[in-house]
N, C-alpha and C. Protein backbone atom coordinates (compact mmCIF):
# COMPACT_ATOMS: atom_id res chain seq x y z
N MET A 1 0.62 -1.45 -0.09
CA MET A 1 0.21 0.23 -0.05
C MET A 1 0.82 1.10 0.54
N GLY A 2 0.11 2.27 -1.08
CA GLY A 2 0.68 3.42 -0.79
C GLY A 2 0.63 4.16 -0.10
N VAL A 3 1.58 5.27 0.67
CA VAL A 3 1.54 6.07 1.66
C VAL A 3 0.52 7.06 1.60
N GLU A 4 -0.25 7.11 0.44
CA GLU A 4 -1.50 8.19 -0.12
C GLU A 4 -2.37 7.44 0.25
N GLN A 5 -2.53 5.83 0.04
CA GLN A 5 -3.36 4.88 -0.27
C GLN A 5 -3.94 4.17 1.54
N ALA A 6 -2.84 4.61 2.32
CA ALA A 6 -3.23 4.78 3.67
C ALA A 6 -4.29 5.57 4.52
N SER A 7 -5.65 4.88 5.23
CA SER A 7 -6.37 5.74 5.61
C SER A 7 -6.16 5.98 7.16
N THR A 8 -5.03 5.75 7.72
CA THR A 8 -4.93 6.25 9.71
C THR A 8 -3.57 6.35 9.13
N ALA A 9 -2.98 7.55 10.15
CA ALA A 9 -1.89 7.82 10.22
C ALA A 9 -1.00 6.99 10.68
N LYS A 10 -1.18 5.90 11.18
CA LYS A 10 -0.08 5.30 11.50
C LYS A 10 0.44 4.02 10.35
N GLY A 11 -1.22 4.26 9.15
CA GLY A 11 -0.23 3.75 8.09
C GLY A 11 0.24 3.62 7.18
N LYS A 12 0.21 4.99 6.99
CA LYS A 12 1.05 6.65 6.44
C LYS A 12 2.09 5.80 6.78
N GLN A 13 2.07 5.60 8.23
CA GLN A 13 3.80 5.71 8.52
C GLN A 13 4.49 4.38 8.73
N ALA A 14 3.75 3.84 8.24
CA ALA A 14 4.41 2.15 8.33
C ALA A 14 4.58 2.02 6.71
N ALA A 15 3.95 3.17 5.55
CA ALA A 15 4.15 2.53 4.60
C ALA A 15 5.64 3.23 4.56
N ARG A 16 5.49 4.64 4.76
CA ARG A 16 7.03 5.68 4.11
C ARG A 16 8.64 4.50 5.25
N GLY A 17 8.14 3.83 6.24
CA GLY A 17 9.04 3.09 6.84
C GLY A 17 9.11 1.63 5.55
N LEU A 18 8.53 1.33 5.93
CA LEU A 18 8.35 0.29 4.29
C LEU A 18 9.30 0.91 3.18
N GLY A 19 9.22 1.78 2.82
CA GLY A 19 9.92 2.30 1.60
C GLY A 19 11.50 2.36 1.75
N GLN A 20 11.26 3.73 2.99
CA GLN A 20 13.33 3.64 3.42
C GLN A 20 13.40 1.97 3.83
N ALA A 21 13.14 0.97 4.49
CA ALA A 21 13.96 0.04 4.98
C ALA A 21 13.92 -0.55 3.59
N THR A 22 12.98 -0.73 2.54
CA THR A 22 13.78 -0.97 1.39
C THR A 22 14.39 -0.77 1.16
N ALA A 23 14.64 0.46 0.48
CA ALA A 23 15.81 1.60 -0.14
C ALA A 23 17.37 0.93 -0.12
N ARG A 24 17.17 1.17 1.85
CA ARG A 24 18.05 0.60 2.45
C ARG A 24 18.68 -0.44 1.96
N ASP A 25 17.69 -1.98 2.51
CA ASP A 25 18.12 -2.64 1.78
C ASP A 25 18.52 -3.67 0.50
N GLU A 26 17.77 -2.70 -0.77
CA GLU A 26 18.60 -2.80 -1.85
C GLU A 26 19.76 -2.41 -2.19
N ARG A 27 20.10 -0.83 -1.80
CA ARG A 27 21.76 -0.31 -1.87
C ARG A 27 22.80 -1.29 -0.69
N LYS A 28 21.51 -2.15 0.26
CA LYS A 28 23.31 -3.00 0.63
C LYS A 28 23.21 -4.41 -0.60
N THR A 29 22.32 -4.64 -0.72
CA THR A 29 22.53 -5.81 -1.58
C THR A 29 23.84 -5.43 -3.41
N GLU A 30 23.22 -4.03 -3.69
CA GLU A 30 23.82 -3.92 -4.65
C GLU A 30 25.18 -4.10 -4.06
N THR A 31 25.57 -3.37 -2.72
CA THR A 31 27.09 -3.14 -2.37
C THR A 31 27.77 -4.12 -2.76
N GLU A 32 26.87 -5.20 -2.36
CA GLU A 32 27.74 -6.92 -2.44
C GLU A 32 27.92 -7.57 -3.39
N THR A 33 26.60 -7.50 -3.90
CA THR A 33 26.98 -7.40 -5.51
C THR A 33 28.36 -7.21 -6.05
N GLY A 34 28.23 -6.68 -6.00
CA GLY A 34 29.69 -5.53 -7.19
C GLY A 34 28.94 -5.20 -7.83
N PRO A 35 29.38 -5.40 -9.03
CA PRO A 35 29.39 -4.56 -10.33
C PRO A 35 28.40 -5.26 -10.63
N PRO A 36 27.89 -5.06 -12.01
CA PRO A 36 26.59 -6.26 -12.84
C PRO A 36 27.58 -7.23 -13.71
N MET A 37 27.28 -8.48 -13.68
CA MET A 37 27.41 -9.23 -14.38
C MET A 37 27.70 -8.62 -15.82
N LYS A 38 28.38 -9.24 -16.38
CA LYS A 38 28.50 -9.45 -17.81
C LYS A 38 27.53 -10.56 -18.86
N LYS A 39 26.88 -9.58 -19.77
CA LYS A 39 25.67 -10.32 -20.93
C LYS A 39 25.99 -11.66 -21.51
N GLY A 40 25.70 -12.53 -22.32
CA GLY A 40 26.23 -13.23 -23.59
C GLY A 40 27.47 -13.25 -23.73
N ALA A 41 27.92 -13.02 -24.66
CA ALA A 41 29.05 -13.56 -25.19
C ALA A 41 30.66 -13.18 -24.21
N ALA A 42 29.92 -11.25 -23.84
CA ALA A 42 30.92 -10.98 -23.27
C ALA A 42 31.74 -11.81 -21.59
N ARG A 43 30.02 -12.67 -20.34
CA ARG A 43 29.79 -13.28 -19.99
C ARG A 43 30.64 -14.87 -20.18
N PHE A 44 30.45 -15.46 -21.29
CA PHE A 44 30.96 -16.48 -21.23
C PHE A 44 32.83 -16.36 -22.02
N GLU A 45 32.97 -15.00 -22.22
CA GLU A 45 34.47 -15.33 -22.31
C GLU A 45 34.78 -15.25 -21.27
N GLU A 46 34.30 -14.18 -20.27
CA GLU A 46 34.75 -14.41 -18.46
C GLU A 46 35.10 -14.94 -17.92
N ARG A 47 33.66 -15.72 -17.82
CA ARG A 47 34.07 -16.96 -17.06
C ARG A 47 34.55 -17.70 -17.41
N SER A 48 35.03 -18.38 -18.64
CA SER A 48 35.83 -19.36 -19.24
C SER A 48 36.89 -19.22 -18.88
N GLN A 49 37.70 -18.49 -18.91
CA GLN A 49 39.18 -18.08 -17.78
C GLN A 49 39.70 -18.50 -17.58
N SER A 50 40.13 -18.92 -17.10
CA SER A 50 41.20 -20.05 -16.00
C SER A 50 41.83 -19.49 -15.81
N SER A 51 42.85 -19.83 -14.60
CA SER A 51 43.80 -19.07 -13.72
C SER A 51 44.95 -18.74 -15.08
N ASP A 52 45.34 -19.40 -15.69
CA ASP A 52 46.64 -18.45 -16.36
C ASP A 52 46.31 -17.79 -17.30
N GLY A 53 45.02 -17.53 -17.89
CA GLY A 53 44.30 -15.90 -18.53
C GLY A 53 44.02 -16.37 -19.86
N LYS A 54 44.04 -17.80 -20.59
CA LYS A 54 43.73 -18.14 -21.51
C LYS A 54 42.42 -18.01 -21.58
N SER A 55 41.41 -17.72 -22.66
CA SER A 55 39.65 -18.05 -22.99
C SER A 55 39.70 -18.98 -23.49
N ALA A 56 38.37 -19.83 -23.73
CA ALA A 56 38.72 -20.92 -23.71
C ALA A 56 38.87 -20.74 -25.73
N GLY A 57 38.18 -20.34 -26.45
CA GLY A 57 39.02 -20.01 -26.99
C GLY A 57 40.57 -20.14 -27.37
N ALA A 58 41.24 -19.84 -27.41
CA ALA A 58 42.67 -20.27 -27.28
C ALA A 58 43.09 -21.16 -26.82
N LYS A 59 42.30 -21.66 -26.50
CA LYS A 59 43.27 -22.71 -25.44
C LYS A 59 42.77 -24.11 -26.67
N GLN A 60 41.45 -23.77 -27.35
CA GLN A 60 41.39 -24.41 -28.40
C GLN A 60 41.93 -24.47 -30.04
N LYS A 61 42.91 -22.91 -29.75
CA LYS A 61 43.26 -23.20 -31.11
C LYS A 61 44.61 -24.02 -30.97
N SER A 62 44.85 -24.16 -29.56
CA SER A 62 46.40 -24.38 -29.47
C SER A 62 45.94 -25.74 -28.77
């Protein structure tokens, strides 16, 4: 329920608190997960690199 839709003062206060708590939790989650993951071919290339730094395509060629 939105703040505007709450019928009582207590309900409006609860809606504001919920919105603030949600925003705090979302910021916390984003800082813990780090930068967004790459998509598609870039992600495959990133995930397929091993400790020697070679990609899957480079390994197949040699």
